[in-house]
Amino acid sequence: MPVRLRSASHPAAPGVALAFVGLLVPVAGGRWGSYISVPGVPIYLADVFVVIGLVALVIAKTTTRSREGVRVPIPKPLVIGSCVFSLVLSANLLLAEWTDTLLVIRDAMPLVYLLLVPFFYQATALTGGLRTFRMLRVACLIHTAWFTLAVFRLLPPISIGPISDVPAFTTRGDFDLLIAGLSIAVFLLDREWARGIRALLTLLAGASLLAGGSRAGLISGLILLGLAFVLARPKGHRISPVLIAGSALFVAAVVPFVVSVFTDPPTWMRAVTRLFDTGSQEQASAQNTWGARLDAWQRILEYTTQNPTQTWWGSGLGSQPILNSGAVVYLSGDPSVRAAHNFAVTWLAFFGIVGGVAICSVLLLWTLGAFKNAARVRGITGVGTSLIVAVIAAGLGGVIVESPFGYMTLIAGIALAYQGVPFAYSATQSTSPRPQPATAGSKRRFDKNNARLNSPSRNA
């Protein structure tokens, strides 16, 4: 799995890198981190980083002195998707209920960020592969540090009222367990830190993954780990016989422990036990929650399809389809709930069949393109692809993709997954800061160099 990366960042990278830093704020801080705002101003800190980074990117692209090396070819799927999101957003702003401008802006923000994906891709490419990976690693380290303590109740939530309504170190299982899975993948991929440190961090992240208490989070975290193991391994990499033997001995050793867990499960293993029908009260509660969401989705679909205009074009941004459909009683009963715990249903209600299908089709197109690129490039692009799939999977059963911490993490995965020639460099390649267009010849040379870079002998 480990892949060596060489930095080849542009001179404007320190400023441009802030765009990716903004996307990593939810990775480091979880849900509570994404809601940290500038004191006295209703602007999130993550958004400030993103704006500064994108402004730096525009300046770097337009200033004559720094124009050389800034022309990064954008993959066609990202361009097509950005155009689709622009059209959907423009059309639905005309249908929006502008009685509450803040609600309209809130509903539109996921699409605004998604249509900016090409710029995030360019900012990540100009930042350089090694620098990008190091930033991701630091974000995962921060998350592992506080989340492990919070899961085992060693770190209580702390009020940070002046800058956020959400207390610091507040956990959200379905998202934080996904990030725990991402952290494990990143720590295993790293080759700079000592093995002992990486092993300790992997152990802590793994313990928090099992102890988080969220079935959806555990499943999405395991999906991410499984895909990352397949997609991030170097081409031609063979699994060591020593690793196979060690894994077999490990499985044999933990079997008695697993048996004891499911016969008399401790509280810290409730995320694992909820995957199986144990007849427990928690299992029954989880089944009731899922049944309530199915009822809510049915109510929303019935409400959306009650007239042709609303069926095709939706209720519009700023509307109240969750409340007006009566689905809110199945989703905690809080009138402020604006998401259906399934991004496809939520966006179908807001944007209708036309907009909802268009958005989901773009996400599918981006995911397939990410798989294709990850199979060619491997390394951290495989982790990015795994992150895309995990976030989408979690978003089908929770309020993830519609929330800032969700769509920012999704876009971070897309920006990583689509990196190609400018991203991974071997020691023999030029360190010129200008990313080269992915021509047929450059692809063949890149594949040859990447195969040598990822050979087992180099990564031993």
Protein backbone atom coordinates (compact mmCIF):
# COMPACT_ATOMS: atom_id res chain seq x y z
CA MET A 1 0.00 0.00 0.00
CA PRO A 2 2.67 2.63 0.85
CA VAL A 3 3.55 5.05 -1.94
CA ARG A 4 6.38 7.57 -1.99
CA LEU A 5 5.41 11.07 -3.12
CA ARG A 6 7.69 13.89 -4.13
CA SER A 7 6.53 17.47 -3.75
CA ALA A 8 6.33 19.52 -6.95
CA SER A 9 4.34 22.52 -5.81
CA HIS A 10 4.02 25.86 -7.56
CA PRO A 11 5.49 29.01 -5.94
CA ALA A 12 1.90 30.19 -5.31
CA ALA A 13 1.14 26.95 -3.44
CA PRO A 14 1.24 28.36 0.14
CA GLY A 15 -1.72 30.62 -0.59
CA VAL A 16 -3.53 28.22 -2.90
CA ALA A 17 -3.15 25.41 -0.35
CA LEU A 18 -5.56 27.21 1.98
CA ALA A 19 -8.41 26.05 -0.26
CA PHE A 20 -7.56 22.44 0.59
CA VAL A 21 -6.98 23.38 4.23
CA GLY A 22 -10.56 24.65 4.34
CA LEU A 23 -11.82 21.31 3.04
CA LEU A 24 -9.80 19.52 5.73
CA VAL A 25 -11.26 21.49 8.64
CA PRO A 26 -14.19 19.02 8.97
CA VAL A 27 -11.77 16.10 8.65
CA ALA A 28 -9.75 17.41 11.59
CA GLY A 29 -12.60 18.68 13.74
CA GLY A 30 -15.60 16.67 12.65
CA ARG A 31 -19.02 18.29 12.73
CA TRP A 32 -18.12 20.75 15.51
CA GLY A 33 -15.01 21.85 13.64
CA SER A 34 -16.98 22.69 10.51
CA TYR A 35 -19.23 25.05 12.50
CA ILE A 36 -16.42 27.16 14.00
CA SER A 37 -17.09 30.70 12.81
CA VAL A 38 -15.39 34.06 12.87
CA PRO A 39 -16.31 35.77 16.20
CA GLY A 40 -19.21 38.13 15.74
CA VAL A 41 -19.70 37.22 12.07
CA PRO A 42 -21.89 34.35 10.73
CA ILE A 43 -19.09 33.09 8.50
CA TYR A 44 -17.46 29.69 9.06
CA LEU A 45 -13.69 29.46 9.42
CA ALA A 46 -13.53 26.68 6.81
CA ASP A 47 -15.25 28.96 4.28
CA VAL A 48 -12.72 31.72 5.01
CA PHE A 49 -9.83 29.37 4.22
CA VAL A 50 -11.54 28.23 1.03
CA VAL A 51 -12.20 31.77 -0.19
CA ILE A 52 -8.61 32.88 0.50
CA GLY A 53 -7.24 29.81 -1.28
CA LEU A 54 -9.45 30.23 -4.34
CA VAL A 55 -8.65 33.94 -4.54
CA ALA A 56 -4.94 33.06 -4.43
CA LEU A 57 -5.55 30.56 -7.23
CA VAL A 58 -7.27 33.20 -9.39
CA ILE A 59 -4.43 35.66 -8.75
CA ALA A 60 -1.85 33.03 -9.63
CA LYS A 61 -3.70 32.26 -12.88
CA THR A 62 -4.09 35.88 -13.94
CA THR A 63 -0.83 37.52 -12.80
CA THR A 64 1.69 37.64 -15.64
CA ARG A 65 4.68 36.87 -13.42
CA SER A 66 3.21 33.68 -11.96
CA ARG A 67 1.16 32.52 -14.94
CA GLU A 68 3.83 29.99 -15.96
CA GLY A 69 3.05 26.64 -14.41
CA VAL A 70 -0.50 27.47 -13.34
CA ARG A 71 -2.30 26.01 -16.36
CA VAL A 72 -3.48 22.70 -14.96
CA PRO A 73 -5.69 20.71 -17.36
CA ILE A 74 -9.02 19.94 -15.75
CA PRO A 75 -10.49 16.46 -16.33
CA LYS A 76 -13.56 16.55 -18.55
CA PRO A 77 -15.91 14.87 -16.01
CA LEU A 78 -15.22 17.68 -13.54
CA VAL A 79 -15.92 20.36 -16.17
CA ILE A 80 -19.14 18.67 -17.28
CA GLY A 81 -20.30 18.23 -13.70
CA SER A 82 -19.57 21.84 -12.84
CA CYS A 83 -21.64 23.02 -15.81
CA VAL A 84 -24.55 20.78 -14.78
CA PHE A 85 -24.50 22.09 -11.21
CA SER A 86 -24.39 25.65 -12.51
CA LEU A 87 -27.49 25.07 -14.65
CA VAL A 88 -29.41 23.32 -11.86
CA LEU A 89 -28.54 26.00 -9.35
CA SER A 90 -29.40 28.87 -11.72
CA ALA A 91 -32.75 27.35 -12.66
CA ASN A 92 -33.74 26.68 -9.06
CA LEU A 93 -32.75 30.10 -7.82
CA LEU A 94 -35.55 31.37 -10.04
CA LEU A 95 -37.98 29.03 -8.26
CA ALA A 96 -36.62 29.78 -4.79
CA GLU A 97 -38.84 31.10 -2.03
CA TRP A 98 -36.96 34.28 -1.13
CA THR A 99 -39.03 34.92 2.01
CA ASP A 100 -35.98 33.78 3.99
CA THR A 101 -32.75 34.59 2.16
CA LEU A 102 -30.58 32.75 4.68
CA LEU A 103 -32.50 29.52 4.07
CA VAL A 104 -32.03 29.88 0.32
CA ILE A 105 -28.29 30.39 0.77
CA ARG A 106 -28.10 27.45 3.16
CA ASP A 107 -29.87 25.13 0.72
CA ALA A 108 -27.73 26.33 -2.19
CA MET A 109 -24.30 25.99 -0.53
CA PRO A 110 -23.74 22.28 -1.35
CA LEU A 111 -24.27 22.99 -5.07
CA VAL A 112 -22.11 26.12 -4.91
CA TYR A 113 -19.23 24.08 -3.53
CA LEU A 114 -19.79 21.22 -5.98
CA LEU A 115 -19.73 23.50 -9.02
CA LEU A 116 -16.36 24.84 -7.77
CA VAL A 117 -14.82 21.34 -7.84
CA PRO A 118 -12.57 22.14 -10.88
CA PHE A 119 -10.98 24.99 -8.92
CA PHE A 120 -10.42 22.76 -5.89
CA TYR A 121 -8.83 20.22 -8.22
CA GLN A 122 -6.43 22.84 -9.60
CA ALA A 123 -5.61 24.16 -6.14
CA THR A 124 -4.76 20.65 -4.95
CA ALA A 125 -2.61 19.94 -8.02
CA LEU A 126 -0.64 23.17 -7.56
CA THR A 127 -0.17 22.48 -3.86
CA GLY A 128 1.91 19.41 -4.70
CA GLY A 129 1.47 15.74 -3.89
CA LEU A 130 3.69 15.51 -0.83
CA ARG A 131 2.41 18.72 0.74
CA THR A 132 -1.21 17.67 0.14
CA PHE A 133 -0.63 14.27 1.71
CA ARG A 134 1.06 15.84 4.74
CA MET A 135 -1.88 18.19 5.28
CA LEU A 136 -4.30 15.26 5.08
CA ARG A 137 -2.15 13.29 7.53
CA VAL A 138 -2.13 16.16 10.05
CA ALA A 139 -5.92 16.48 9.80
CA CYS A 140 -6.31 12.75 10.46
CA LEU A 141 -3.88 12.98 13.40
CA ILE A 142 -5.89 15.80 14.99
CA HIS A 143 -9.15 13.89 14.55
CA THR A 144 -7.70 10.68 15.97
CA ALA A 145 -6.35 12.52 19.02
CA TRP A 146 -9.58 14.15 20.16
CA PHE A 147 -12.07 11.58 18.86
CA THR A 148 -10.41 8.64 20.62
CA LEU A 149 -10.52 10.50 23.93
CA ALA A 150 -14.11 11.61 23.33
CA VAL A 151 -15.34 8.12 22.39
CA PHE A 152 -13.96 6.64 25.60
CA ARG A 153 -15.38 9.58 27.60
CA LEU A 154 -11.99 10.95 28.58
CA LEU A 155 -12.70 14.28 26.89
CA PRO A 156 -16.12 15.86 27.56
CA PRO A 157 -17.72 18.41 25.22
CA ILE A 158 -16.57 21.96 25.91
CA SER A 159 -18.69 25.01 25.13
CA ILE A 160 -17.10 27.47 22.70
CA GLY A 161 -20.10 29.79 22.53
CA PRO A 162 -18.41 32.89 21.05
CA ILE A 163 -17.31 31.03 17.93
CA SER A 164 -19.73 28.10 17.63
CA ASP A 165 -23.09 26.89 18.88
CA VAL A 166 -21.81 23.31 18.73
CA PRO A 167 -19.59 22.39 21.73
CA ALA A 168 -16.04 21.33 20.90
CA PHE A 169 -15.29 17.59 20.93
CA THR A 170 -18.93 16.70 20.28
CA THR A 171 -19.00 13.41 18.39
CA ARG A 172 -21.21 12.49 15.49
CA GLY A 173 -20.96 8.76 14.92
CA ASP A 174 -21.96 8.42 11.27
CA PHE A 175 -19.34 10.98 10.17
CA ASP A 176 -16.58 10.62 12.74
CA LEU A 177 -16.34 6.86 12.27
CA LEU A 178 -15.96 7.43 8.54
CA ILE A 179 -13.04 9.78 9.27
CA ALA A 180 -11.60 7.16 11.63
CA GLY A 181 -11.53 4.74 8.69
CA LEU A 182 -9.88 7.42 6.55
CA SER A 183 -7.26 7.97 9.26
CA ILE A 184 -6.37 4.28 9.32
CA ALA A 185 -5.90 4.27 5.54
CA VAL A 186 -3.72 7.41 5.65
CA PHE A 187 -1.55 6.11 8.50
CA LEU A 188 -1.00 2.83 6.65
CA LEU A 189 -0.14 4.70 3.47
CA ASP A 190 2.39 6.99 5.15
CA ARG A 191 6.11 6.27 4.84
CA GLU A 192 7.61 9.29 6.62
CA TRP A 193 6.71 8.60 10.24
CA ALA A 194 8.24 5.74 12.20
CA ARG A 195 6.43 2.40 12.10
CA GLY A 196 5.82 2.45 15.84
CA ILE A 197 4.06 5.81 15.66
CA ARG A 198 1.97 4.71 12.68
CA ALA A 199 1.05 1.46 14.44
CA LEU A 200 -0.04 3.33 17.57
CA LEU A 201 -2.14 5.81 15.61
CA THR A 202 -3.71 3.01 13.58
CA LEU A 203 -4.57 1.18 16.80
CA LEU A 204 -6.20 4.28 18.31
CA ALA A 205 -8.19 5.02 15.15
CA GLY A 206 -9.26 1.38 14.92
CA ALA A 207 -10.41 1.35 18.55
CA SER A 208 -12.48 4.49 18.03
CA LEU A 209 -13.94 3.00 14.84
CA LEU A 210 -15.23 -0.02 16.76
CA ALA A 211 -16.34 1.94 19.81
CA GLY A 212 -18.12 4.85 18.12
CA GLY A 213 -21.61 3.38 18.45
CA SER A 214 -22.89 4.18 14.95
CA ARG A 215 -23.80 1.34 12.64
CA ALA A 216 -23.85 3.59 9.55
CA GLY A 217 -20.51 5.12 10.50
CA LEU A 218 -18.90 1.73 11.05
CA ILE A 219 -20.15 0.41 7.71
CA SER A 220 -18.95 3.49 5.81
CA GLY A 221 -15.58 3.36 7.58
CA LEU A 222 -15.12 -0.32 6.69
CA ILE A 223 -16.14 0.40 3.08
CA LEU A 224 -13.49 3.09 2.90
CA LEU A 225 -10.82 0.81 4.35
CA GLY A 226 -11.66 -2.08 2.02
CA LEU A 227 -11.61 0.07 -1.11
CA ALA A 228 -8.46 1.91 -0.04
CA PHE A 229 -6.63 -1.37 0.50
CA VAL A 230 -7.48 -2.44 -3.06
CA LEU A 231 -7.09 0.89 -4.87
CA ALA A 232 -4.10 2.39 -3.03
CA ARG A 233 -1.74 -0.57 -3.33
CA PRO A 234 1.05 -0.13 -5.88
CA LYS A 235 0.67 -1.92 -9.20
CA GLY A 236 2.14 -5.40 -9.11
CA HIS A 237 2.24 -5.34 -5.31
CA ARG A 238 2.09 -8.79 -3.76
CA ILE A 239 0.84 -9.44 -0.27
CA SER A 240 3.70 -10.73 1.85
CA PRO A 241 3.41 -14.36 3.08
CA VAL A 242 4.54 -13.07 6.47
CA LEU A 243 1.55 -10.70 6.49
CA ILE A 244 -0.81 -13.55 5.59
CA ALA A 245 0.60 -15.77 8.33
CA GLY A 246 0.47 -12.96 10.86
CA SER A 247 -3.13 -12.18 9.91
CA ALA A 248 -4.11 -15.83 10.32
CA LEU A 249 -2.54 -15.95 13.80
CA PHE A 250 -4.26 -12.69 14.70
CA VAL A 251 -7.66 -14.00 13.59
CA ALA A 252 -7.12 -17.20 15.58
CA ALA A 253 -6.24 -15.16 18.67
CA VAL A 254 -9.26 -12.85 18.51
CA VAL A 255 -11.90 -15.53 17.84
CA PRO A 256 -12.42 -16.27 21.57
CA PHE A 257 -12.60 -12.54 22.23
CA VAL A 258 -15.21 -12.03 19.49
CA VAL A 259 -17.30 -14.89 20.86
CA SER A 260 -17.26 -13.33 24.32
CA VAL A 261 -18.18 -9.94 22.85
CA PHE A 262 -21.33 -11.20 21.18
CA THR A 263 -22.42 -13.35 24.10
CA ASP A 264 -21.93 -10.57 26.64
CA PRO A 265 -21.10 -7.39 24.70
CA PRO A 266 -19.47 -4.45 26.53
CA THR A 267 -20.83 -0.96 25.91
CA TRP A 268 -17.79 0.15 23.91
CA MET A 269 -18.51 -2.53 21.28
CA ARG A 270 -22.09 -1.42 20.60
CA ALA A 271 -21.26 -0.27 17.06
CA VAL A 272 -20.25 -3.82 16.13
CA THR A 273 -23.10 -5.54 17.92
CA ARG A 274 -25.67 -3.31 16.18
CA LEU A 275 -24.64 -4.83 12.86
CA PHE A 276 -26.23 -8.09 13.92
CA ASP A 277 -29.70 -9.01 15.12
CA THR A 278 -29.01 -9.71 18.79
CA GLY A 279 -32.50 -8.94 19.98
CA SER A 280 -31.14 -6.18 22.18
CA GLN A 281 -32.93 -2.93 22.95
CA GLU A 282 -30.34 -0.98 20.93
CA GLN A 283 -30.90 -3.23 17.94
CA ALA A 284 -34.65 -2.70 18.17
CA SER A 285 -34.12 1.07 18.43
CA ALA A 286 -31.90 1.03 15.35
CA GLN A 287 -34.53 -0.89 13.37
CA ASN A 288 -37.24 1.54 14.47
CA THR A 289 -35.07 4.48 13.39
CA TRP A 290 -34.53 2.98 9.95
CA GLY A 291 -38.25 2.22 9.61
CA ALA A 292 -39.09 5.82 10.55
CA ARG A 293 -36.76 7.12 7.85
CA LEU A 294 -38.39 4.91 5.23
CA ASP A 295 -41.77 6.33 6.24
CA ALA A 296 -40.37 9.86 6.05
CA TRP A 297 -38.96 9.31 2.56
CA GLN A 298 -42.31 7.97 1.40
CA ARG A 299 -44.10 11.07 2.73
CA ILE A 300 -41.60 13.38 1.00
CA LEU A 301 -41.92 11.58 -2.34
CA GLU A 302 -45.71 11.68 -2.14
CA TYR A 303 -45.61 15.41 -1.37
CA THR A 304 -43.15 16.13 -4.18
CA THR A 305 -45.21 14.30 -6.80
CA GLN A 306 -48.57 15.84 -5.91
CA ASN A 307 -48.50 18.19 -8.95
CA PRO A 308 -46.57 18.10 -12.27
CA THR A 309 -44.60 21.32 -11.76
CA GLN A 310 -43.34 20.28 -8.35
CA THR A 311 -42.65 16.76 -9.61
CA TRP A 312 -40.32 17.92 -12.36
CA TRP A 313 -38.81 21.07 -10.83
CA GLY A 314 -39.18 20.54 -7.09
CA SER A 315 -40.26 22.85 -4.31
CA GLY A 316 -37.35 25.23 -4.82
CA LEU A 317 -34.59 26.46 -2.55
CA GLY A 318 -35.77 27.92 0.74
CA SER A 319 -39.00 25.87 0.76
CA GLN A 320 -40.12 23.49 3.50
CA PRO A 321 -40.77 20.08 1.88
CA ILE A 322 -39.77 18.15 5.03
CA LEU A 323 -42.13 20.14 7.22
CA ASN A 324 -45.00 20.51 4.74
CA SER A 325 -44.99 16.82 3.82
CA GLY A 326 -45.37 15.75 7.45
CA ALA A 327 -42.13 13.79 7.30
CA VAL A 328 -40.69 15.89 10.12
CA VAL A 329 -42.55 13.77 12.70
CA TYR A 330 -40.45 10.78 11.61
CA LEU A 331 -37.20 12.79 11.68
CA SER A 332 -36.89 13.88 15.34
CA GLY A 333 -39.94 16.18 15.16
CA ASP A 334 -37.80 19.33 15.11
CA PRO A 335 -39.34 21.88 12.69
CA SER A 336 -35.86 23.14 11.78
CA VAL A 337 -34.95 19.81 10.12
CA ARG A 338 -34.37 20.47 6.40
CA ALA A 339 -32.79 17.20 5.25
CA ALA A 340 -34.42 13.83 4.67
CA HIS A 341 -31.44 11.81 5.98
CA ASN A 342 -30.85 10.81 2.36
CA PHE A 343 -29.30 13.35 0.00
CA ALA A 344 -31.04 11.87 -3.06
CA VAL A 345 -34.48 12.30 -1.46
CA THR A 346 -33.61 15.76 -0.14
CA TRP A 347 -32.47 17.05 -3.51
CA LEU A 348 -35.38 15.39 -5.31
CA ALA A 349 -37.70 17.39 -3.06
CA PHE A 350 -35.86 20.68 -3.65
CA PHE A 351 -34.93 20.29 -7.33
CA GLY A 352 -37.50 17.81 -8.67
CA ILE A 353 -36.84 14.93 -11.04
CA VAL A 354 -34.86 17.07 -13.48
CA GLY A 355 -32.48 18.55 -10.93
CA GLY A 356 -32.29 15.54 -8.63
CA VAL A 357 -31.46 13.08 -11.40
CA ALA A 358 -28.93 15.51 -12.89
CA ILE A 359 -27.11 15.93 -9.56
CA CYS A 360 -27.03 12.20 -8.79
CA SER A 361 -25.88 11.43 -12.36
CA VAL A 362 -22.93 13.82 -11.98
CA LEU A 363 -21.93 12.24 -8.67
CA LEU A 364 -22.07 8.82 -10.34
CA LEU A 365 -20.00 10.10 -13.28
CA TRP A 366 -17.38 11.57 -10.93
CA THR A 367 -17.23 8.35 -8.92
CA LEU A 368 -16.69 6.18 -12.01
CA GLY A 369 -14.02 8.57 -13.28
CA ALA A 370 -12.30 8.48 -9.90
CA PHE A 371 -12.18 4.66 -10.00
CA LYS A 372 -10.63 4.78 -13.46
CA ASN A 373 -7.98 7.28 -12.41
CA ALA A 374 -7.21 5.47 -9.15
CA ALA A 375 -6.67 2.21 -11.01
CA ARG A 376 -4.03 3.96 -13.12
CA VAL A 377 -2.31 6.18 -10.56
CA ARG A 378 -2.87 4.32 -7.26
CA GLY A 379 -1.53 5.72 -3.98
CA ILE A 380 -3.40 8.60 -2.36
CA THR A 381 -5.76 8.83 -5.37
CA GLY A 382 -7.10 5.46 -4.28
CA VAL A 383 -7.77 6.84 -0.80
CA GLY A 384 -9.57 9.81 -2.37
CA THR A 385 -11.78 7.48 -4.41
CA SER A 386 -12.55 5.42 -1.32
CA LEU A 387 -13.49 8.60 0.53
CA ILE A 388 -15.95 9.57 -2.23
CA VAL A 389 -17.71 6.20 -2.04
CA ALA A 390 -17.80 6.20 1.76
CA VAL A 391 -19.28 9.71 2.02
CA ILE A 392 -21.94 8.93 -0.58
CA ALA A 393 -22.79 5.65 1.15
CA ALA A 394 -23.12 7.41 4.52
CA GLY A 395 -25.18 10.17 2.89
CA LEU A 396 -27.80 7.67 1.74
CA GLY A 397 -28.78 7.06 5.36
CA GLY A 398 -27.89 10.29 7.17
CA VAL A 399 -27.55 14.05 6.92
CA ILE A 400 -24.01 14.04 5.52
CA VAL A 401 -23.74 15.30 1.94
CA GLU A 402 -26.16 18.19 2.56
CA SER A 403 -24.12 19.43 5.54
CA PRO A 404 -20.89 21.51 5.39
CA PHE A 405 -18.78 18.79 6.98
CA GLY A 406 -20.10 16.27 4.48
CA TYR A 407 -19.87 18.08 1.16
CA MET A 408 -16.46 19.55 2.04
CA THR A 409 -15.10 16.08 2.80
CA LEU A 410 -16.67 14.73 -0.40
CA ILE A 411 -14.99 17.46 -2.46
CA ALA A 412 -11.65 16.79 -0.74
CA GLY A 413 -11.96 13.17 -1.87
CA ILE A 414 -12.78 14.24 -5.44
CA ALA A 415 -9.80 16.64 -5.54
CA LEU A 416 -7.49 13.83 -4.40
CA ALA A 417 -8.99 11.09 -6.57
CA TYR A 418 -8.58 13.01 -9.85
CA GLN A 419 -4.93 13.91 -9.40
CA GLY A 420 -2.80 12.40 -12.16
CA VAL A 421 0.53 13.28 -13.77
CA PRO A 422 1.18 16.41 -11.68
CA PHE A 423 0.57 14.54 -8.42
CA ALA A 424 3.07 11.67 -7.93
CA TYR A 425 6.72 12.02 -8.82
CA SER A 426 9.64 9.58 -8.67
CA ALA A 427 13.15 10.65 -7.71
CA THR A 428 14.24 10.57 -11.37
CA GLN A 429 11.46 12.85 -12.61
CA SER A 430 11.81 16.57 -13.13
CA THR A 431 10.74 18.70 -10.18
CA SER A 432 9.60 21.55 -12.44
CA PRO A 433 6.55 23.18 -10.85
CA ARG A 434 4.58 23.23 -14.08
CA PRO A 435 2.11 20.34 -14.36
CA GLN A 436 2.23 18.85 -17.85
CA PRO A 437 -0.87 18.07 -19.95
CA ALA A 438 -1.80 14.39 -19.86
CA THR A 439 -0.96 13.54 -23.47
CA ALA A 440 -0.71 9.94 -24.67
CA GLY A 441 3.09 10.08 -24.50
CA SER A 442 3.13 11.61 -21.04
CA LYS A 443 0.69 8.95 -19.82
CA ARG A 444 3.00 6.17 -21.04
CA ARG A 445 6.02 7.80 -19.41
CA PHE A 446 4.05 8.39 -16.21
CA ASP A 447 2.88 4.77 -16.06
CA LYS A 448 6.46 3.58 -16.54
CA ASN A 449 7.82 5.89 -13.83
CA ASN A 450 4.91 5.17 -11.52
CA ALA A 451 5.47 1.41 -11.89
CA ARG A 452 9.09 1.88 -10.87
CA LEU A 453 8.03 4.23 -8.05
CA ASN A 454 5.53 1.69 -6.72
CA SER A 455 7.65 -1.42 -7.15
CA PRO A 456 7.91 -3.64 -4.01
CA SER A 457 11.68 -3.16 -3.88
CA ARG A 458 11.35 0.62 -3.53
CA ASN A 459 8.66 0.34 -0.90
CA ALA A 460 10.26 -2.38 1.19
